[in-house]
Amino acid sequence: MASLLLDRGLIDEIRRIERATGRDNLLSGFVRELESNLAGFGAAFSDYITRGDASGAVRAAHTLKGVCQQLGAQALGDLFADIERSAKTGDYAEAKRKFDGSAGLIAQSLEALKHA
């Protein structure tokens, strides 16, 4: 299952950087930051929509997409790419539905990253 959730090559690269710099907490720090950002995404996205800030909503999804992709959380990156596409077309209800329905994927991905 982890192979469907994660890109091991990217995680291995982060681990190589950890070894080269002597900082063995890079990945775990990135994962904690991602976890915090994911926890706040729903409220932030809704706030952007309520305020009529379409570009803010798209940017929020785009940012999480990029962070997930850089950390090797490929399934989460794909999820936020879908959310970003929905937001770009103005289908905020669909974007929110996708996020709201992703709790399992988010939990599985974070757990896989924590054990990577």
N, C-alpha and C. Protein backbone atom coordinates (compact mmCIF):
# COMPACT_ATOMS: atom_id res chain seq x y z
N MET A 1 0.83 -1.20 0.00
CA MET A 1 0.00 0.00 0.00
C MET A 1 0.86 1.26 0.00
N ALA A 2 1.95 1.24 0.78
CA ALA A 2 2.81 2.42 0.85
C ALA A 2 3.38 2.79 -0.51
N SER A 3 3.61 1.79 -1.37
CA SER A 3 4.17 2.08 -2.69
C SER A 3 3.18 2.86 -3.55
N LEU A 4 1.88 2.71 -3.29
CA LEU A 4 0.88 3.48 -4.02
C LEU A 4 0.76 4.90 -3.47
N LEU A 5 1.10 5.05 -2.21
CA LEU A 5 0.97 6.34 -1.55
C LEU A 5 2.21 7.20 -1.72
N LEU A 6 3.38 6.55 -1.74
CA LEU A 6 4.64 7.29 -1.67
C LEU A 6 5.54 7.02 -2.86
N ASP A 7 6.34 8.02 -3.18
CA ASP A 7 7.40 7.89 -4.17
C ASP A 7 8.69 7.67 -3.38
N ARG A 8 9.12 6.42 -3.29
CA ARG A 8 10.29 6.08 -2.47
C ARG A 8 11.55 6.82 -2.93
N GLY A 9 11.67 7.09 -4.22
CA GLY A 9 12.85 7.79 -4.73
C GLY A 9 13.01 9.17 -4.10
N LEU A 10 11.92 9.90 -3.97
CA LEU A 10 11.99 11.23 -3.37
C LEU A 10 12.28 11.15 -1.87
N ILE A 11 11.69 10.19 -1.22
CA ILE A 11 11.95 10.02 0.20
C ILE A 11 13.40 9.61 0.43
N ASP A 12 13.91 8.72 -0.40
CA ASP A 12 15.31 8.31 -0.29
C ASP A 12 16.24 9.51 -0.50
N GLU A 13 15.87 10.41 -1.39
CA GLU A 13 16.68 11.62 -1.61
C GLU A 13 16.70 12.51 -0.37
N ILE A 14 15.57 12.66 0.27
CA ILE A 14 15.52 13.44 1.53
C ILE A 14 16.38 12.76 2.58
N ARG A 15 16.33 11.45 2.65
CA ARG A 15 17.16 10.70 3.61
C ARG A 15 18.65 10.90 3.31
N ARG A 16 19.03 10.94 2.02
CA ARG A 16 20.43 11.19 1.64
C ARG A 16 20.86 12.58 2.11
N ILE A 17 19.98 13.55 1.96
CA ILE A 17 20.28 14.91 2.41
C ILE A 17 20.45 14.92 3.93
N GLU A 18 19.59 14.19 4.62
CA GLU A 18 19.73 14.10 6.08
C GLU A 18 21.11 13.57 6.46
N ARG A 19 21.53 12.49 5.81
CA ARG A 19 22.83 11.90 6.13
C ARG A 19 23.96 12.87 5.79
N ALA A 20 23.86 13.53 4.65
CA ALA A 20 24.93 14.44 4.21
C ALA A 20 25.06 15.66 5.11
N THR A 21 23.95 16.11 5.67
CA THR A 21 23.99 17.31 6.51
C THR A 21 24.06 16.98 8.01
N GLY A 22 23.91 15.72 8.35
CA GLY A 22 23.91 15.34 9.74
C GLY A 22 22.64 15.72 10.48
N ARG A 23 21.61 16.05 9.75
CA ARG A 23 20.32 16.42 10.35
C ARG A 23 19.35 15.27 10.10
N ASP A 24 19.14 14.46 11.11
CA ASP A 24 18.30 13.28 10.93
C ASP A 24 16.82 13.55 11.16
N ASN A 25 16.44 14.81 11.22
CA ASN A 25 15.03 15.14 11.46
C ASN A 25 14.40 15.95 10.33
N LEU A 26 15.05 15.99 9.18
CA LEU A 26 14.47 16.77 8.06
C LEU A 26 13.10 16.23 7.65
N LEU A 27 13.05 14.95 7.30
CA LEU A 27 11.79 14.39 6.83
C LEU A 27 10.71 14.50 7.90
N SER A 28 11.05 14.16 9.12
CA SER A 28 10.03 14.22 10.18
C SER A 28 9.55 15.65 10.38
N GLY A 29 10.42 16.62 10.26
CA GLY A 29 10.01 18.02 10.38
C GLY A 29 9.09 18.43 9.24
N PHE A 30 9.43 17.99 8.03
CA PHE A 30 8.58 18.29 6.87
C PHE A 30 7.21 17.63 7.03
N VAL A 31 7.19 16.42 7.55
CA VAL A 31 5.92 15.70 7.72
C VAL A 31 5.06 16.40 8.77
N ARG A 32 5.67 16.86 9.86
CA ARG A 32 4.90 17.60 10.88
C ARG A 32 4.30 18.87 10.28
N GLU A 33 5.08 19.58 9.48
CA GLU A 33 4.59 20.81 8.84
C GLU A 33 3.45 20.48 7.87
N LEU A 34 3.61 19.42 7.10
CA LEU A 34 2.55 19.00 6.19
C LEU A 34 1.29 18.65 6.96
N GLU A 35 1.44 17.92 8.05
CA GLU A 35 0.29 17.54 8.87
C GLU A 35 -0.45 18.77 9.37
N SER A 36 0.28 19.77 9.79
CA SER A 36 -0.33 21.02 10.26
C SER A 36 -1.06 21.73 9.13
N ASN A 37 -0.43 21.79 7.97
CA ASN A 37 -1.06 22.44 6.82
C ASN A 37 -2.32 21.71 6.37
N LEU A 38 -2.28 20.39 6.39
CA LEU A 38 -3.46 19.61 6.03
C LEU A 38 -4.59 19.84 7.02
N ALA A 39 -4.26 19.93 8.29
CA ALA A 39 -5.28 20.15 9.31
C ALA A 39 -5.99 21.49 9.13
N GLY A 40 -5.29 22.48 8.62
CA GLY A 40 -5.88 23.80 8.44
C GLY A 40 -6.45 24.07 7.06
N PHE A 41 -6.26 23.13 6.13
CA PHE A 41 -6.66 23.39 4.75
C PHE A 41 -8.16 23.60 4.59
N GLY A 42 -8.97 22.74 5.16
CA GLY A 42 -10.43 22.83 4.97
C GLY A 42 -10.97 24.18 5.38
N ALA A 43 -10.58 24.64 6.56
CA ALA A 43 -11.07 25.94 7.05
C ALA A 43 -10.52 27.08 6.20
N ALA A 44 -9.25 27.01 5.83
CA ALA A 44 -8.66 28.07 5.02
C ALA A 44 -9.32 28.13 3.64
N PHE A 45 -9.53 26.96 3.03
CA PHE A 45 -10.16 26.91 1.71
C PHE A 45 -11.56 27.50 1.78
N SER A 46 -12.33 27.11 2.78
CA SER A 46 -13.69 27.64 2.95
C SER A 46 -13.67 29.14 3.16
N ASP A 47 -12.70 29.62 3.92
CA ASP A 47 -12.58 31.05 4.16
C ASP A 47 -12.31 31.81 2.87
N TYR A 48 -11.41 31.27 2.04
CA TYR A 48 -11.15 31.92 0.74
C TYR A 48 -12.43 32.01 -0.08
N ILE A 49 -13.19 30.94 -0.11
CA ILE A 49 -14.42 30.91 -0.91
C ILE A 49 -15.43 31.90 -0.34
N THR A 50 -15.59 31.91 0.97
CA THR A 50 -16.53 32.82 1.62
C THR A 50 -16.19 34.27 1.30
N ARG A 51 -14.90 34.58 1.26
CA ARG A 51 -14.47 35.96 0.98
C ARG A 51 -14.43 36.26 -0.51
N GLY A 52 -14.73 35.27 -1.35
CA GLY A 52 -14.71 35.48 -2.79
C GLY A 52 -13.30 35.54 -3.37
N ASP A 53 -12.34 34.96 -2.66
CA ASP A 53 -10.95 34.97 -3.10
C ASP A 53 -10.64 33.67 -3.84
N ALA A 54 -11.06 33.62 -5.10
CA ALA A 54 -10.86 32.40 -5.90
C ALA A 54 -9.39 32.09 -6.09
N SER A 55 -8.57 33.10 -6.31
CA SER A 55 -7.15 32.84 -6.51
C SER A 55 -6.51 32.31 -5.23
N GLY A 56 -6.96 32.76 -4.07
CA GLY A 56 -6.46 32.24 -2.80
C GLY A 56 -6.80 30.77 -2.64
N ALA A 57 -8.01 30.38 -3.02
CA ALA A 57 -8.43 28.99 -2.92
C ALA A 57 -7.58 28.11 -3.84
N VAL A 58 -7.37 28.57 -5.05
CA VAL A 58 -6.54 27.82 -6.00
C VAL A 58 -5.11 27.73 -5.47
N ARG A 59 -4.59 28.83 -4.99
CA ARG A 59 -3.21 28.87 -4.47
C ARG A 59 -3.03 27.92 -3.30
N ALA A 60 -4.01 27.86 -2.40
CA ALA A 60 -3.92 26.96 -1.25
C ALA A 60 -3.81 25.51 -1.70
N ALA A 61 -4.64 25.11 -2.66
CA ALA A 61 -4.58 23.75 -3.18
C ALA A 61 -3.27 23.51 -3.93
N HIS A 62 -2.85 24.49 -4.70
CA HIS A 62 -1.62 24.37 -5.48
C HIS A 62 -0.41 24.20 -4.55
N THR A 63 -0.38 24.96 -3.49
CA THR A 63 0.74 24.89 -2.55
C THR A 63 0.82 23.51 -1.90
N LEU A 64 -0.32 22.99 -1.44
CA LEU A 64 -0.30 21.66 -0.84
C LEU A 64 0.05 20.59 -1.87
N LYS A 65 -0.39 20.75 -3.08
CA LYS A 65 -0.03 19.81 -4.14
C LYS A 65 1.49 19.76 -4.27
N GLY A 66 2.12 20.91 -4.34
CA GLY A 66 3.57 20.97 -4.51
C GLY A 66 4.32 20.39 -3.32
N VAL A 67 3.88 20.71 -2.13
CA VAL A 67 4.54 20.19 -0.92
C VAL A 67 4.44 18.66 -0.90
N CYS A 68 3.26 18.15 -1.17
CA CYS A 68 3.07 16.70 -1.18
C CYS A 68 3.97 16.04 -2.23
N GLN A 69 4.03 16.61 -3.40
CA GLN A 69 4.85 16.05 -4.46
C GLN A 69 6.33 16.09 -4.10
N GLN A 70 6.78 17.16 -3.48
CA GLN A 70 8.19 17.28 -3.09
C GLN A 70 8.56 16.28 -2.00
N LEU A 71 7.62 15.95 -1.13
CA LEU A 71 7.89 14.99 -0.06
C LEU A 71 7.71 13.55 -0.50
N GLY A 72 7.23 13.36 -1.70
CA GLY A 72 7.02 12.00 -2.20
C GLY A 72 5.67 11.41 -1.84
N ALA A 73 4.76 12.24 -1.35
CA ALA A 73 3.40 11.78 -1.05
C ALA A 73 2.57 11.90 -2.31
N GLN A 74 2.80 10.97 -3.23
CA GLN A 74 2.23 11.10 -4.57
C GLN A 74 0.71 11.05 -4.59
N ALA A 75 0.10 10.19 -3.80
CA ALA A 75 -1.36 10.11 -3.79
C ALA A 75 -1.97 11.42 -3.27
N LEU A 76 -1.36 12.01 -2.25
CA LEU A 76 -1.84 13.30 -1.75
C LEU A 76 -1.61 14.40 -2.78
N GLY A 77 -0.49 14.35 -3.46
CA GLY A 77 -0.23 15.32 -4.52
C GLY A 77 -1.30 15.24 -5.61
N ASP A 78 -1.68 14.02 -5.96
CA ASP A 78 -2.74 13.82 -6.96
C ASP A 78 -4.07 14.36 -6.45
N LEU A 79 -4.36 14.12 -5.18
CA LEU A 79 -5.60 14.64 -4.59
C LEU A 79 -5.65 16.16 -4.69
N PHE A 80 -4.59 16.83 -4.29
CA PHE A 80 -4.61 18.29 -4.32
C PHE A 80 -4.52 18.84 -5.74
N ALA A 81 -3.98 18.07 -6.68
CA ALA A 81 -4.05 18.47 -8.08
C ALA A 81 -5.51 18.46 -8.54
N ASP A 82 -6.27 17.44 -8.12
CA ASP A 82 -7.70 17.37 -8.45
C ASP A 82 -8.47 18.52 -7.81
N ILE A 83 -8.15 18.81 -6.55
CA ILE A 83 -8.81 19.91 -5.85
C ILE A 83 -8.48 21.23 -6.54
N GLU A 84 -7.24 21.40 -6.92
CA GLU A 84 -6.83 22.62 -7.62
C GLU A 84 -7.58 22.77 -8.95
N ARG A 85 -7.70 21.68 -9.71
CA ARG A 85 -8.42 21.73 -10.98
C ARG A 85 -9.88 22.15 -10.77
N SER A 86 -10.52 21.56 -9.76
CA SER A 86 -11.91 21.93 -9.47
C SER A 86 -12.02 23.39 -9.08
N ALA A 87 -11.10 23.87 -8.27
CA ALA A 87 -11.12 25.27 -7.84
C ALA A 87 -10.89 26.20 -9.02
N LYS A 88 -10.00 25.82 -9.93
CA LYS A 88 -9.73 26.66 -11.10
C LYS A 88 -10.96 26.82 -11.98
N THR A 89 -11.80 25.79 -12.01
CA THR A 89 -13.01 25.87 -12.84
C THR A 89 -14.18 26.50 -12.08
N GLY A 90 -13.93 26.85 -10.82
CA GLY A 90 -14.98 27.48 -10.02
C GLY A 90 -15.92 26.50 -9.36
N ASP A 91 -15.60 25.22 -9.43
CA ASP A 91 -16.45 24.20 -8.80
C ASP A 91 -15.95 23.95 -7.37
N TYR A 92 -16.20 24.91 -6.51
CA TYR A 92 -15.70 24.85 -5.14
C TYR A 92 -16.38 23.76 -4.32
N ALA A 93 -17.64 23.50 -4.62
CA ALA A 93 -18.34 22.43 -3.92
C ALA A 93 -17.67 21.09 -4.20
N GLU A 94 -17.28 20.87 -5.44
CA GLU A 94 -16.59 19.62 -5.80
C GLU A 94 -15.21 19.57 -5.15
N ALA A 95 -14.51 20.68 -5.15
CA ALA A 95 -13.20 20.72 -4.50
C ALA A 95 -13.32 20.39 -3.03
N LYS A 96 -14.29 20.97 -2.37
CA LYS A 96 -14.50 20.72 -0.94
C LYS A 96 -14.93 19.28 -0.71
N ARG A 97 -15.78 18.76 -1.57
CA ARG A 97 -16.21 17.36 -1.46
C ARG A 97 -15.01 16.42 -1.56
N LYS A 98 -14.13 16.71 -2.50
CA LYS A 98 -12.93 15.86 -2.66
C LYS A 98 -12.08 15.89 -1.40
N PHE A 99 -11.90 17.08 -0.85
CA PHE A 99 -11.10 17.17 0.36
C PHE A 99 -11.79 16.48 1.53
N ASP A 100 -13.07 16.76 1.71
CA ASP A 100 -13.81 16.18 2.82
C ASP A 100 -13.84 14.66 2.76
N GLY A 101 -13.82 14.11 1.56
CA GLY A 101 -13.84 12.66 1.40
C GLY A 101 -12.47 12.01 1.45
N SER A 102 -11.45 12.78 1.76
CA SER A 102 -10.09 12.26 1.68
C SER A 102 -9.44 11.97 3.03
N ALA A 103 -10.21 11.98 4.10
CA ALA A 103 -9.63 11.79 5.44
C ALA A 103 -8.83 10.50 5.53
N GLY A 104 -9.34 9.44 4.96
CA GLY A 104 -8.63 8.16 5.00
C GLY A 104 -7.32 8.21 4.26
N LEU A 105 -7.34 8.79 3.07
CA LEU A 105 -6.12 8.91 2.27
C LEU A 105 -5.09 9.78 2.98
N ILE A 106 -5.56 10.86 3.57
CA ILE A 106 -4.64 11.75 4.30
C ILE A 106 -4.01 11.01 5.47
N ALA A 107 -4.81 10.31 6.25
CA ALA A 107 -4.29 9.58 7.41
C ALA A 107 -3.31 8.50 6.97
N GLN A 108 -3.64 7.75 5.95
CA GLN A 108 -2.77 6.69 5.46
C GLN A 108 -1.45 7.26 4.93
N SER A 109 -1.54 8.34 4.19
CA SER A 109 -0.34 8.96 3.62
C SER A 109 0.57 9.51 4.70
N LEU A 110 0.00 10.18 5.68
CA LEU A 110 0.82 10.72 6.78
C LEU A 110 1.47 9.58 7.56
N GLU A 111 0.73 8.53 7.80
CA GLU A 111 1.29 7.39 8.54
C GLU A 111 2.42 6.76 7.72
N ALA A 112 2.23 6.61 6.44
CA ALA A 112 3.29 6.05 5.58
C ALA A 112 4.53 6.94 5.57
N LEU A 113 4.33 8.25 5.51
CA LEU A 113 5.47 9.18 5.55
C LEU A 113 6.20 9.09 6.89
N LYS A 114 5.46 8.98 7.96
CA LYS A 114 6.09 8.91 9.29
C LYS A 114 6.92 7.63 9.45
N HIS A 115 6.58 6.60 8.72
CA HIS A 115 7.32 5.34 8.83
C HIS A 115 8.26 5.11 7.65
N ALA A 116 8.40 6.08 6.80
CA ALA A 116 9.26 5.94 5.61
C ALA A 116 10.73 6.01 6.00
